[in-house]
Amino acid sequence: MATHTACSENGCKGQVPAALEAVHLCMLHFTLKVENDCAQMRRETVYGKTPHARQVEIIRFIADHGEMLARASTSGIHLADEMKARVLNTFLTLMNLRENLDRAALRQPIGRSS
């Protein structure tokens, strides 16, 4: 359920679902932030030279944010069809980031590490 907390984005009057309370964002701004962060991480990892510790951080990001999105979107709050589509697209973005991370790691030559 939505709490009485307003989204922390300037000018947004959206309510923060309980599952997103930790990040103080409404569903719209949470999905936008996750998609932006994923795009940034994808650019960072595209060449397969990301250090192992950073790869672990990215995998943790994917898991944590995917779980938060799942909890928020299935918590019983009403979501317009456009928001449902955005949520599904954000899940796809998280999944693609993970796949791209795995693919980039496979492109790294054997015997060479960062």
N, C-alpha and C. Protein backbone atom coordinates (compact mmCIF):
# COMPACT_ATOMS: atom_id res chain seq x y z
N MET A 1 0.83 -1.18 0.00
CA MET A 1 0.00 0.00 0.00
C MET A 1 0.88 1.25 0.00
N ALA A 2 0.34 2.31 -0.56
CA ALA A 2 1.06 3.59 -0.55
C ALA A 2 1.04 4.16 0.86
N THR A 3 2.12 4.80 1.20
CA THR A 3 2.20 5.45 2.50
C THR A 3 1.79 6.91 2.32
N HIS A 4 1.92 7.69 3.36
CA HIS A 4 1.62 9.11 3.25
C HIS A 4 2.87 9.90 2.90
N THR A 5 3.91 9.24 2.50
CA THR A 5 5.15 9.90 2.13
C THR A 5 5.10 10.30 0.67
N ALA A 6 5.44 11.55 0.39
CA ALA A 6 5.48 12.03 -0.99
C ALA A 6 6.85 11.71 -1.59
N CYS A 7 6.88 11.55 -2.88
CA CYS A 7 8.11 11.29 -3.62
C CYS A 7 9.10 12.42 -3.38
N SER A 8 10.37 12.09 -3.30
CA SER A 8 11.41 13.09 -3.03
C SER A 8 11.85 13.87 -4.28
N GLU A 9 11.36 13.50 -5.46
CA GLU A 9 11.72 14.24 -6.67
C GLU A 9 11.05 15.61 -6.64
N ASN A 10 11.79 16.63 -7.03
CA ASN A 10 11.25 18.00 -7.03
C ASN A 10 9.97 18.09 -7.84
N GLY A 11 8.93 18.63 -7.23
CA GLY A 11 7.68 18.85 -7.92
C GLY A 11 6.77 17.65 -8.04
N CYS A 12 7.21 16.47 -7.65
CA CYS A 12 6.39 15.27 -7.78
C CYS A 12 5.48 15.15 -6.56
N LYS A 13 4.23 14.90 -6.82
CA LYS A 13 3.27 14.72 -5.74
C LYS A 13 2.87 13.25 -5.60
N GLY A 14 3.59 12.37 -6.30
CA GLY A 14 3.30 10.94 -6.23
C GLY A 14 3.58 10.39 -4.84
N GLN A 15 2.84 9.35 -4.50
CA GLN A 15 3.01 8.69 -3.21
C GLN A 15 4.05 7.57 -3.33
N VAL A 16 4.78 7.36 -2.26
CA VAL A 16 5.82 6.34 -2.21
C VAL A 16 5.21 5.04 -1.69
N PRO A 17 5.25 3.96 -2.48
CA PRO A 17 4.78 2.67 -1.97
C PRO A 17 5.68 2.22 -0.81
N ALA A 18 5.14 1.45 0.11
CA ALA A 18 5.91 0.99 1.27
C ALA A 18 7.21 0.30 0.85
N ALA A 19 7.17 -0.48 -0.24
CA ALA A 19 8.36 -1.20 -0.69
C ALA A 19 9.46 -0.28 -1.20
N LEU A 20 9.11 0.98 -1.51
CA LEU A 20 10.10 1.93 -2.02
C LEU A 20 10.42 3.02 -1.00
N GLU A 21 9.95 2.83 0.21
CA GLU A 21 10.17 3.82 1.28
C GLU A 21 11.66 4.10 1.48
N ALA A 22 12.49 3.09 1.36
CA ALA A 22 13.93 3.27 1.59
C ALA A 22 14.57 4.24 0.59
N VAL A 23 14.00 4.32 -0.61
CA VAL A 23 14.58 5.22 -1.63
C VAL A 23 13.76 6.49 -1.81
N HIS A 24 12.64 6.60 -1.14
CA HIS A 24 11.80 7.80 -1.14
C HIS A 24 11.35 8.22 -2.54
N LEU A 25 11.02 7.23 -3.39
CA LEU A 25 10.59 7.52 -4.76
C LEU A 25 9.25 6.85 -5.06
N CYS A 26 8.44 7.54 -5.87
CA CYS A 26 7.21 6.94 -6.37
C CYS A 26 7.58 5.92 -7.44
N MET A 27 6.61 5.15 -7.89
CA MET A 27 6.88 4.12 -8.90
C MET A 27 7.50 4.72 -10.16
N LEU A 28 6.95 5.83 -10.65
CA LEU A 28 7.46 6.43 -11.87
C LEU A 28 8.93 6.81 -11.72
N HIS A 29 9.26 7.55 -10.69
CA HIS A 29 10.64 8.00 -10.53
C HIS A 29 11.59 6.86 -10.17
N PHE A 30 11.10 5.84 -9.48
CA PHE A 30 11.94 4.68 -9.21
C PHE A 30 12.30 3.97 -10.52
N THR A 31 11.30 3.74 -11.38
CA THR A 31 11.59 3.05 -12.63
C THR A 31 12.52 3.88 -13.52
N LEU A 32 12.31 5.19 -13.55
CA LEU A 32 13.20 6.05 -14.35
C LEU A 32 14.64 5.99 -13.84
N LYS A 33 14.80 6.03 -12.51
CA LYS A 33 16.14 5.98 -11.92
C LYS A 33 16.81 4.64 -12.20
N VAL A 34 16.07 3.54 -12.03
CA VAL A 34 16.64 2.22 -12.28
C VAL A 34 17.07 2.11 -13.74
N GLU A 35 16.23 2.54 -14.65
CA GLU A 35 16.58 2.45 -16.07
C GLU A 35 17.80 3.31 -16.41
N ASN A 36 17.88 4.49 -15.82
CA ASN A 36 19.05 5.35 -16.04
C ASN A 36 20.31 4.72 -15.46
N ASP A 37 20.21 4.19 -14.24
CA ASP A 37 21.37 3.53 -13.61
C ASP A 37 21.81 2.32 -14.42
N CYS A 38 20.85 1.55 -14.94
CA CYS A 38 21.19 0.38 -15.75
C CYS A 38 21.93 0.78 -17.02
N ALA A 39 21.47 1.85 -17.66
CA ALA A 39 22.13 2.32 -18.89
C ALA A 39 23.57 2.74 -18.59
N GLN A 40 23.76 3.40 -17.47
CA GLN A 40 25.11 3.82 -17.07
C GLN A 40 26.00 2.60 -16.80
N MET A 41 25.46 1.62 -16.10
CA MET A 41 26.24 0.41 -15.79
C MET A 41 26.52 -0.41 -17.05
N ARG A 42 25.58 -0.42 -17.97
CA ARG A 42 25.81 -1.15 -19.22
C ARG A 42 26.97 -0.54 -19.98
N ARG A 43 27.01 0.79 -20.04
CA ARG A 43 28.14 1.46 -20.71
C ARG A 43 29.45 1.13 -20.00
N GLU A 44 29.40 1.05 -18.69
CA GLU A 44 30.59 0.75 -17.88
C GLU A 44 31.10 -0.67 -18.13
N THR A 45 30.21 -1.60 -18.42
CA THR A 45 30.59 -3.00 -18.50
C THR A 45 30.72 -3.53 -19.92
N VAL A 46 30.42 -2.72 -20.91
CA VAL A 46 30.30 -3.21 -22.28
C VAL A 46 31.59 -3.86 -22.82
N TYR A 47 32.74 -3.43 -22.37
CA TYR A 47 33.99 -3.97 -22.92
C TYR A 47 34.56 -5.15 -22.15
N GLY A 48 33.89 -5.58 -21.11
CA GLY A 48 34.34 -6.75 -20.37
C GLY A 48 35.56 -6.50 -19.50
N LYS A 49 35.82 -5.26 -19.14
CA LYS A 49 37.00 -4.94 -18.33
C LYS A 49 36.62 -4.48 -16.93
N THR A 50 35.40 -4.76 -16.54
CA THR A 50 34.92 -4.35 -15.22
C THR A 50 35.54 -5.26 -14.16
N PRO A 51 36.15 -4.70 -13.13
CA PRO A 51 36.73 -5.53 -12.06
C PRO A 51 35.67 -6.41 -11.40
N HIS A 52 36.11 -7.55 -10.91
CA HIS A 52 35.19 -8.52 -10.31
C HIS A 52 34.36 -7.91 -9.18
N ALA A 53 34.99 -7.11 -8.34
CA ALA A 53 34.26 -6.50 -7.22
C ALA A 53 33.12 -5.61 -7.74
N ARG A 54 33.35 -4.90 -8.82
CA ARG A 54 32.30 -4.05 -9.39
C ARG A 54 31.20 -4.90 -10.01
N GLN A 55 31.58 -6.00 -10.65
CA GLN A 55 30.59 -6.91 -11.21
C GLN A 55 29.66 -7.43 -10.11
N VAL A 56 30.23 -7.77 -8.97
CA VAL A 56 29.44 -8.24 -7.83
C VAL A 56 28.48 -7.14 -7.36
N GLU A 57 28.97 -5.90 -7.30
CA GLU A 57 28.11 -4.77 -6.92
C GLU A 57 26.94 -4.62 -7.89
N ILE A 58 27.21 -4.76 -9.17
CA ILE A 58 26.17 -4.61 -10.19
C ILE A 58 25.15 -5.74 -10.07
N ILE A 59 25.62 -6.95 -9.86
CA ILE A 59 24.70 -8.09 -9.69
C ILE A 59 23.82 -7.88 -8.46
N ARG A 60 24.40 -7.35 -7.40
CA ARG A 60 23.63 -7.05 -6.18
C ARG A 60 22.60 -5.95 -6.46
N PHE A 61 22.99 -4.93 -7.22
CA PHE A 61 22.06 -3.86 -7.62
C PHE A 61 20.87 -4.46 -8.37
N ILE A 62 21.16 -5.32 -9.33
CA ILE A 62 20.09 -5.94 -10.13
C ILE A 62 19.13 -6.71 -9.23
N ALA A 63 19.66 -7.52 -8.33
CA ALA A 63 18.82 -8.32 -7.44
C ALA A 63 18.02 -7.44 -6.49
N ASP A 64 18.67 -6.49 -5.87
CA ASP A 64 17.99 -5.62 -4.89
C ASP A 64 16.89 -4.79 -5.53
N HIS A 65 17.19 -4.17 -6.66
CA HIS A 65 16.22 -3.30 -7.30
C HIS A 65 15.10 -4.09 -7.98
N GLY A 66 15.43 -5.27 -8.48
CA GLY A 66 14.39 -6.14 -9.03
C GLY A 66 13.42 -6.57 -7.94
N GLU A 67 13.95 -6.89 -6.77
CA GLU A 67 13.10 -7.29 -5.65
C GLU A 67 12.23 -6.12 -5.18
N MET A 68 12.82 -4.94 -5.07
CA MET A 68 12.05 -3.76 -4.66
C MET A 68 10.92 -3.49 -5.66
N LEU A 69 11.23 -3.60 -6.94
CA LEU A 69 10.24 -3.35 -7.98
C LEU A 69 9.12 -4.39 -7.92
N ALA A 70 9.49 -5.64 -7.70
CA ALA A 70 8.49 -6.71 -7.60
C ALA A 70 7.58 -6.48 -6.40
N ARG A 71 8.16 -6.15 -5.27
CA ARG A 71 7.35 -5.92 -4.06
C ARG A 71 6.42 -4.72 -4.24
N ALA A 72 6.94 -3.64 -4.81
CA ALA A 72 6.13 -2.44 -4.98
C ALA A 72 5.00 -2.67 -5.98
N SER A 73 5.29 -3.35 -7.08
CA SER A 73 4.29 -3.51 -8.14
C SER A 73 3.24 -4.56 -7.82
N THR A 74 3.51 -5.42 -6.84
CA THR A 74 2.53 -6.46 -6.48
C THR A 74 1.95 -6.24 -5.09
N SER A 75 2.10 -5.03 -4.57
CA SER A 75 1.67 -4.74 -3.20
C SER A 75 0.19 -4.40 -3.09
N GLY A 76 -0.50 -4.34 -4.20
CA GLY A 76 -1.91 -4.03 -4.16
C GLY A 76 -2.25 -2.60 -4.53
N ILE A 77 -1.24 -1.78 -4.80
CA ILE A 77 -1.53 -0.41 -5.23
C ILE A 77 -2.08 -0.45 -6.66
N HIS A 78 -2.92 0.49 -6.99
CA HIS A 78 -3.46 0.56 -8.35
C HIS A 78 -2.38 1.11 -9.28
N LEU A 79 -2.17 0.41 -10.38
CA LEU A 79 -1.23 0.88 -11.40
C LEU A 79 -1.97 1.01 -12.72
N ALA A 80 -1.84 2.17 -13.34
CA ALA A 80 -2.41 2.38 -14.67
C ALA A 80 -1.69 1.47 -15.65
N ASP A 81 -2.33 1.18 -16.76
CA ASP A 81 -1.72 0.30 -17.77
C ASP A 81 -0.36 0.81 -18.22
N GLU A 82 -0.22 2.14 -18.34
CA GLU A 82 1.06 2.71 -18.75
C GLU A 82 2.15 2.41 -17.72
N MET A 83 1.77 2.46 -16.44
CA MET A 83 2.75 2.17 -15.39
C MET A 83 3.09 0.68 -15.37
N LYS A 84 2.10 -0.16 -15.61
CA LYS A 84 2.37 -1.60 -15.69
C LYS A 84 3.37 -1.88 -16.81
N ALA A 85 3.19 -1.22 -17.93
CA ALA A 85 4.13 -1.38 -19.06
C ALA A 85 5.52 -0.89 -18.67
N ARG A 86 5.59 0.23 -17.95
CA ARG A 86 6.88 0.77 -17.51
C ARG A 86 7.56 -0.19 -16.55
N VAL A 87 6.79 -0.78 -15.64
CA VAL A 87 7.35 -1.75 -14.68
C VAL A 87 7.92 -2.95 -15.43
N LEU A 88 7.17 -3.47 -16.38
CA LEU A 88 7.66 -4.61 -17.16
C LEU A 88 8.92 -4.24 -17.94
N ASN A 89 8.95 -3.05 -18.50
CA ASN A 89 10.14 -2.60 -19.24
C ASN A 89 11.34 -2.48 -18.30
N THR A 90 11.10 -2.03 -17.07
CA THR A 90 12.20 -1.91 -16.11
C THR A 90 12.74 -3.27 -15.72
N PHE A 91 11.85 -4.26 -15.55
CA PHE A 91 12.32 -5.63 -15.30
C PHE A 91 13.17 -6.11 -16.47
N LEU A 92 12.72 -5.86 -17.69
CA LEU A 92 13.47 -6.26 -18.87
C LEU A 92 14.83 -5.57 -18.91
N THR A 93 14.88 -4.31 -18.54
CA THR A 93 16.14 -3.57 -18.50
C THR A 93 17.10 -4.20 -17.50
N LEU A 94 16.61 -4.57 -16.32
CA LEU A 94 17.45 -5.24 -15.31
C LEU A 94 17.96 -6.59 -15.84
N MET A 95 17.08 -7.34 -16.48
CA MET A 95 17.48 -8.64 -17.02
C MET A 95 18.52 -8.49 -18.13
N ASN A 96 18.32 -7.49 -18.98
CA ASN A 96 19.28 -7.25 -20.07
C ASN A 96 20.63 -6.81 -19.54
N LEU A 97 20.64 -6.02 -18.48
CA LEU A 97 21.92 -5.62 -17.87
C LEU A 97 22.67 -6.85 -17.40
N ARG A 98 21.97 -7.75 -16.74
CA ARG A 98 22.63 -8.97 -16.24
C ARG A 98 23.16 -9.79 -17.41
N GLU A 99 22.36 -9.94 -18.44
CA GLU A 99 22.80 -10.69 -19.62
C GLU A 99 24.01 -10.03 -20.28
N ASN A 100 23.99 -8.72 -20.38
CA ASN A 100 25.12 -8.00 -20.98
C ASN A 100 26.37 -8.12 -20.13
N LEU A 101 26.21 -8.12 -18.82
CA LEU A 101 27.35 -8.31 -17.93
C LEU A 101 27.97 -9.68 -18.15
N ASP A 102 27.13 -10.70 -18.24
CA ASP A 102 27.63 -12.06 -18.48
C ASP A 102 28.30 -12.18 -19.84
N ARG A 103 27.70 -11.58 -20.85
CA ARG A 103 28.25 -11.63 -22.20
C ARG A 103 29.58 -10.91 -22.28
N ALA A 104 29.70 -9.77 -21.62
CA ALA A 104 30.96 -9.01 -21.63
C ALA A 104 32.06 -9.80 -20.94
N ALA A 105 31.72 -10.51 -19.88
CA ALA A 105 32.71 -11.32 -19.16
C ALA A 105 33.23 -12.44 -20.06
N LEU A 106 32.37 -12.98 -20.90
CA LEU A 106 32.80 -14.05 -21.81
C LEU A 106 33.72 -13.54 -22.90
N ARG A 107 33.59 -12.26 -23.26
CA ARG A 107 34.45 -11.68 -24.31
C ARG A 107 35.86 -11.39 -23.82
N GLN A 108 36.03 -11.36 -22.51
CA GLN A 108 37.35 -11.03 -21.96
C GLN A 108 38.31 -12.19 -22.26
N PRO A 109 39.48 -11.88 -22.84
CA PRO A 109 40.44 -12.93 -23.18
C PRO A 109 40.89 -13.72 -21.95
N ILE A 110 41.08 -15.00 -22.14
CA ILE A 110 41.54 -15.87 -21.06
C ILE A 110 42.92 -15.44 -20.62
N GLY A 111 43.13 -15.39 -19.33
CA GLY A 111 44.43 -15.02 -18.79
C GLY A 111 44.60 -13.53 -18.55
N ARG A 112 43.62 -12.74 -18.98
CA ARG A 112 43.70 -11.29 -18.77
C ARG A 112 42.58 -10.88 -17.83
N SER A 113 42.94 -10.23 -16.76
CA SER A 113 41.94 -9.73 -15.83
C SER A 113 42.31 -8.33 -15.41
N SER A 114 41.30 -7.63 -14.88
CA SER A 114 41.52 -6.26 -14.46
C SER A 114 42.01 -6.20 -13.04
